[in-house]
C-alpha atoms as a PDB file:
ATOM      1  CA  MET A   1      -3.994   4.852 -16.074  1.00  0.00           C
ATOM      2  CA  GLY A   2      -4.067   2.294 -13.314  1.00  0.00           C
ATOM      3  CA  PHE A   3      -1.316   0.526 -11.471  1.00  0.00           C
ATOM      4  CA  LEU A   4      -2.126  -2.858 -12.977  1.00  0.00           C
ATOM      5  CA  SER A   5      -2.418  -1.917 -16.629  1.00  0.00           C
ATOM      6  CA  PHE A   6      -0.035  -4.691 -17.670  1.00  0.00           C
ATOM      7  CA  SER A   7       0.396  -8.428 -17.257  1.00  0.00           C
ATOM      8  CA  TYR A   8       0.306  -9.978 -13.826  1.00  0.00           C
ATOM      9  CA  SER A   9       3.896 -11.136 -13.544  1.00  0.00           C
ATOM     10  CA  TYR A  10       5.140 -11.414  -9.975  1.00  0.00           C
ATOM     11  CA  LYS A  11       7.872  -8.920 -10.834  1.00  0.00           C
ATOM     12  CA  ASP A  12       5.272  -6.322 -11.804  1.00  0.00           C
ATOM     13  CA  LEU A  13       3.233  -7.049  -8.687  1.00  0.00           C
ATOM     14  CA  LEU A  14       6.315  -6.796  -6.473  1.00  0.00           C
ATOM     15  CA  ASP A  15       7.208  -3.428  -8.003  1.00  0.00           C
ATOM     16  CA  ILE A  16       3.714  -2.063  -7.305  1.00  0.00           C
ATOM     17  CA  ALA A  17       3.617  -3.608  -3.832  1.00  0.00           C
ATOM     18  CA  THR A  18       7.000  -1.987  -3.136  1.00  0.00           C
ATOM     19  CA  LYS A  19       5.724   1.457  -4.123  1.00  0.00           C
ATOM     20  CA  ILE A  20       2.689   1.088  -1.852  1.00  0.00           C
ATOM     21  CA  ALA A  21       4.689  -0.328   1.068  1.00  0.00           C
ATOM     22  CA  VAL A  22       7.310   2.420   0.862  1.00  0.00           C
ATOM     23  CA  GLN A  23       4.597   5.079   0.642  1.00  0.00           C
ATOM     24  CA  ALA A  24       2.804   3.499   3.616  1.00  0.00           C
ATOM     25  CA  LYS A  25       6.036   3.641   5.603  1.00  0.00           C
ATOM     26  CA  MET A  26       6.561   7.280   4.614  1.00  0.00           C
ATOM     27  CA  ASP A  27       2.945   8.043   5.555  1.00  0.00           C
ATOM     28  CA  GLY A  28       3.436   6.547   8.998  1.00  0.00           C
ATOM     29  CA  LEU A  29       0.840   3.800   8.595  1.00  0.00           C
ATOM     30  CA  SER A  30       1.052   0.900  10.995  1.00  0.00           C
ATOM     31  CA  LYS A  31       1.050  -2.696   9.812  1.00  0.00           C
ATOM     32  CA  HIS A  32      -2.297  -3.041  11.595  1.00  0.00           C
ATOM     33  CA  GLN A  33      -3.814  -0.507   9.198  1.00  0.00           C
ATOM     34  CA  ILE A  34      -2.634  -2.656   6.286  1.00  0.00           C
ATOM     35  CA  GLU A  35      -4.060  -5.746   8.010  1.00  0.00           C
ATOM     36  CA  ASN A  36      -7.394  -3.939   8.399  1.00  0.00           C
ATOM     37  CA  VAL A  37      -7.505  -3.389   4.638  1.00  0.00           C
ATOM     38  CA  ILE A  38      -6.885  -7.122   4.135  1.00  0.00           C
ATOM     39  CA  GLU A  39      -9.728  -7.873   6.562  1.00  0.00           C
ATOM     40  CA  SER A  40     -12.058  -5.579   4.612  1.00  0.00           C
ATOM     41  CA  LEU A  41     -11.829  -8.059   1.723  1.00  0.00           C
ATOM     42  CA  TYR A  42     -13.836 -10.507   3.827  1.00  0.00           C
ATOM     43  CA  MET A  43     -16.782  -8.271   4.774  1.00  0.00           C
ATOM     44  CA  VAL A  44     -19.024  -9.683   2.033  1.00  0.00           C
ATOM     45  CA  ASP A  45     -19.460 -13.187   0.656  1.00  0.00           C
ATOM     46  CA  ASP A  46     -19.034 -12.469  -3.043  1.00  0.00           C
ATOM     47  CA  PRO A  47     -15.312 -12.628  -3.929  1.00  0.00           C
ATOM     48  CA  ARG A  48     -15.611  -9.982  -6.677  1.00  0.00           C
ATOM     49  CA  ASP A  49     -17.860  -7.589  -4.761  1.00  0.00           C
ATOM     50  CA  ALA A  50     -15.310  -7.785  -1.958  1.00  0.00           C
ATOM     51  CA  LEU A  51     -12.983  -5.691  -4.133  1.00  0.00           C
ATOM     52  CA  LEU A  52     -15.540  -2.892  -4.300  1.00  0.00           C
ATOM     53  CA  ILE A  53     -15.954  -2.940  -0.521  1.00  0.00           C
ATOM     54  CA  ALA A  54     -12.181  -2.941   0.030  1.00  0.00           C
ATOM     55  CA  GLN A  55     -11.820  -0.079  -2.454  1.00  0.00           C
ATOM     56  CA  LEU A  56     -14.351   1.943  -0.466  1.00  0.00           C
ATOM     57  CA  TYR A  57     -12.726   1.020   2.855  1.00  0.00           C
ATOM     58  CA  ALA A  58      -9.246   2.070   1.689  1.00  0.00           C
ATOM     59  CA  GLN A  59     -10.546   5.393   0.360  1.00  0.00           C
ATOM     60  CA  ARG A  60     -12.485   5.972   3.591  1.00  0.00           C
ATOM     61  CA  GLN A  61      -9.323   5.289   5.586  1.00  0.00           C
ATOM     62  CA  ALA A  62      -7.385   7.696   3.393  1.00  0.00           C
ATOM     63  CA  MET A  63      -9.774  10.502   4.237  1.00  0.00           C
ATOM     64  CA  ARG A  64     -10.283   9.547   7.888  1.00  0.00           C
ATOM     65  CA  LEU A  65      -6.592   9.202   8.635  1.00  0.00           C
ATOM     66  CA  THR A  66      -5.799  12.466   6.866  1.00  0.00           C
ATOM     67  CA  LYS A  67      -8.445  14.323   8.851  1.00  0.00           C
ATOM     68  CA  GLU A  68      -7.264  12.751  12.097  1.00  0.00           C
ATOM     69  CA  LYS A  69      -3.721  14.028  11.639  1.00  0.00           C
ATOM     70  CA  GLU A  70      -4.486  17.292   9.862  1.00  0.00           C
ATOM     71  CA  GLY A  71      -4.651  19.412  12.998  1.00  0.00           C
ATOM     72  CA  LYS A  72      -1.817  17.633  14.805  1.00  0.00           C
ATOM     73  CA  GLU A  73       1.066  18.112  12.408  1.00  0.00           C
ATOM     74  CA  LYS A  74       1.466  21.083  10.137  1.00  0.00           C
ATOM     75  CA  GLY A  75       1.502  20.038   6.499  1.00  0.00           C
ATOM     76  CA  TYR A  76       0.531  16.422   7.244  1.00  0.00           C
ATOM     77  CA  LYS A  77      -2.250  16.427   4.659  1.00  0.00           C
ATOM     78  CA  GLU A  78       0.295  16.772   1.870  1.00  0.00           C
ATOM     79  CA  ARG A  79       2.152  13.573   2.844  1.00  0.00           C
ATOM     80  CA  GLY A  80      -0.352  11.806   5.046  1.00  0.00           C
ATOM     81  CA  PRO A  81      -1.928   8.387   4.762  1.00  0.00           C
ATOM     82  CA  LEU A  82      -4.111   9.671   1.943  1.00  0.00           C
ATOM     83  CA  LYS A  83      -1.561   8.684  -0.678  1.00  0.00           C
ATOM     84  CA  SER A  84      -0.823   5.077   0.337  1.00  0.00           C
ATOM     85  CA  MET A  85      -4.453   4.252   1.089  1.00  0.00           C
ATOM     86  CA  SER A  86      -5.550   5.933  -2.146  1.00  0.00           C
ATOM     87  CA  MET A  87      -2.987   3.818  -3.993  1.00  0.00           C
ATOM     88  CA  MET A  88      -4.517   0.689  -2.446  1.00  0.00           C
ATOM     89  CA  SER A  89      -7.990   1.845  -3.452  1.00  0.00           C
ATOM     90  CA  GLU A  90      -6.838   2.347  -7.034  1.00  0.00           C
ATOM     91  CA  VAL A  91      -5.256  -1.101  -7.110  1.00  0.00           C
ATOM     92  CA  PHE A  92      -8.531  -2.681  -5.941  1.00  0.00           C
ATOM     93  CA  ASN A  93     -10.305  -0.903  -8.782  1.00  0.00           C
ATOM     94  CA  ASP A  94      -7.743  -2.181 -11.283  1.00  0.00           C
ATOM     95  CA  ILE A  95      -7.944  -5.733  -9.930  1.00  0.00           C
ATOM     96  CA  TYR A  96     -11.743  -5.638 -10.169  1.00  0.00           C
ATOM     97  CA  ASN A  97     -11.635  -4.302 -13.743  1.00  0.00           C
ATOM     98  CA  LYS A  98      -9.196  -7.075 -14.719  1.00  0.00           C
ATOM     99  CA  GLY A  99     -11.733  -9.686 -13.583  1.00  0.00           C
ATOM    100  CA  LYS A 100      -9.747 -10.857 -10.576  1.00  0.00           C
ATOM    101  CA  ASP A 101     -11.193 -11.450  -7.126  1.00  0.00           C
ATOM    102  CA  ARG A 102     -10.578 -11.381  -3.383  1.00  0.00           C
ATOM    103  CA  THR A 103      -7.947 -14.142  -3.461  1.00  0.00           C
ATOM    104  CA  PHE A 104      -5.749 -12.223  -5.882  1.00  0.00           C
ATOM    105  CA  ALA A 105      -6.196  -8.969  -3.931  1.00  0.00           C
ATOM    106  CA  SER A 106      -5.429 -10.681  -0.630  1.00  0.00           C
ATOM    107  CA  GLN A 107      -2.244 -12.212  -2.032  1.00  0.00           C
ATOM    108  CA  PHE A 108      -1.219  -8.813  -3.368  1.00  0.00           C
ATOM    109  CA  LEU A 109      -1.828  -7.083  -0.024  1.00  0.00           C
ATOM    110  CA  HIS A 110       0.171  -9.739   1.778  1.00  0.00           C
ATOM    111  CA  LEU A 111       3.085  -8.859  -0.513  1.00  0.00           C
ATOM    112  CA  VAL A 112       2.610  -5.202   0.479  1.00  0.00           C
ATOM    113  CA  LYS A 113       2.614  -6.170   4.156  1.00  0.00           C
ATOM    114  CA  TRP A 114       5.728  -8.350   3.877  1.00  0.00           C
ATOM    115  CA  ILE A 115       7.620  -5.621   2.055  1.00  0.00           C
ATOM    116  CA  TYR A 116       6.424  -3.070   4.619  1.00  0.00           C
ATOM    117  CA  GLU A 117       7.649  -5.297   7.454  1.00  0.00           C
ATOM    118  CA  SER A 118      11.004  -5.892   5.740  1.00  0.00           C
ATOM    119  CA  ILE A 119      11.648  -2.144   5.669  1.00  0.00           C
ATOM    120  CA  GLY A 120      11.904  -2.161   9.434  1.00  0.00           C
ATOM    121  CA  GLU A 121      10.453  -0.499  12.468  1.00  0.00           C
ATOM    122  CA  GLU A 122       7.242   1.495  12.332  1.00  0.00           C
ATOM    123  CA  ASP A 123       9.239   4.279  13.982  1.00  0.00           C
ATOM    124  CA  LYS A 124      10.540   6.404  11.084  1.00  0.00           C
ATOM    125  CA  GLU A 125      13.808   6.948  12.967  1.00  0.00           C
ATOM    126  CA  LYS A 126      14.519   3.197  12.869  1.00  0.00           C
ATOM    127  CA  SER A 127      13.363   2.585   9.312  1.00  0.00           C
ATOM    128  CA  ARG A 128      15.866   1.056   6.894  1.00  0.00           C
ATOM    129  CA  LEU A 129      14.832   3.457   4.121  1.00  0.00           C
ATOM    130  CA  PRO A 130      17.131   6.299   3.130  1.00  0.00           C
ATOM    131  CA  GLU A 131      15.647   9.787   3.481  1.00  0.00           C
ATOM    132  CA  ASN A 132      15.752  10.434  -0.279  1.00  0.00           C
ATOM    133  CA  VAL A 133      13.803   7.342  -1.386  1.00  0.00           C
ATOM    134  CA  ASN A 134      11.084   8.062  -3.951  1.00  0.00           C
ATOM    135  CA  ALA A 135       8.001   5.893  -3.402  1.00  0.00           C
ATOM    136  CA  GLU A 136       6.683   6.676  -6.884  1.00  0.00           C
ATOM    137  CA  THR A 137       9.718   5.324  -8.724  1.00  0.00           C
ATOM    138  CA  ILE A 138      11.335   2.727  -6.458  1.00  0.00           C
ATOM    139  CA  THR A 139      11.330  -0.844  -7.735  1.00  0.00           C
ATOM    140  CA  PHE A 140      11.430  -4.122  -5.857  1.00  0.00           C
ATOM    141  CA  ASP A 141      15.027  -4.722  -7.005  1.00  0.00           C
ATOM    142  CA  GLU A 142      16.128  -1.283  -5.777  1.00  0.00           C
ATOM    143  CA  LEU A 143      14.503  -1.841  -2.394  1.00  0.00           C
ATOM    144  CA  MET A 144      16.144  -5.252  -2.015  1.00  0.00           C
ATOM    145  CA  LYS A 145      19.546  -3.656  -2.698  1.00  0.00           C
ATOM    146  CA  ILE A 146      18.830  -1.024  -0.030  1.00  0.00           C
ATOM    147  CA  LEU A 147      17.766  -3.671   2.474  1.00  0.00           C
ATOM    148  CA  ARG A 148      20.871  -5.750   1.763  1.00  0.00           C
ATOM    149  CA  GLY A 149      23.009  -2.645   2.268  1.00  0.00           C
ATOM    150  CA  LYS A 150      24.145  -2.478  -1.357  1.00  0.00           C
ATOM    151  CA  SER A 151      22.421   0.712  -2.514  1.00  0.00           C
END
C-alpha cells in the first residue's frame, strides 16, 4: 500500500509531507539533500518520466547515504537516511501510478522542504521536535501544535 492511496486533498498531502520531513530530520538529512531530490525531477524533459528518474535518484541516495554513514556511527543503518529517502521514492512511484507528473511532485516536495525547515535547525540538538516524536504516525496538525508550543 502506497502513501498516496487516497484522494489528493491538501490535508492528506500535508500529513504525508510531515511524516517524510520529520523522518528526514530524524535521519539527519540536510535541506540540500531534499533540494537535490527536487532537482532530480528536472533531469529529463518528459514530465511523467521525470518521476521515474526521481524515484531512482531517491532510492540511490538512500543506499549511498546509508553506506556512507554505516562505518561512522554504530547502528546508523537502522535509522539512517534510508528511511526518509525510501519514503520519497515510494511517493514518486505512487504519484506516477496516479497519473500525475513533475509539477505535482515538485509541489509536494516543496511542502516537505517547508515543513522540514519549520522544524528548526539541522543540528538535532536545536531541533524543535520532542525526542519521542513518531515519524510514522505524526500528522500535520500534531506537528503544528508542537511548533506552536501547544503539544
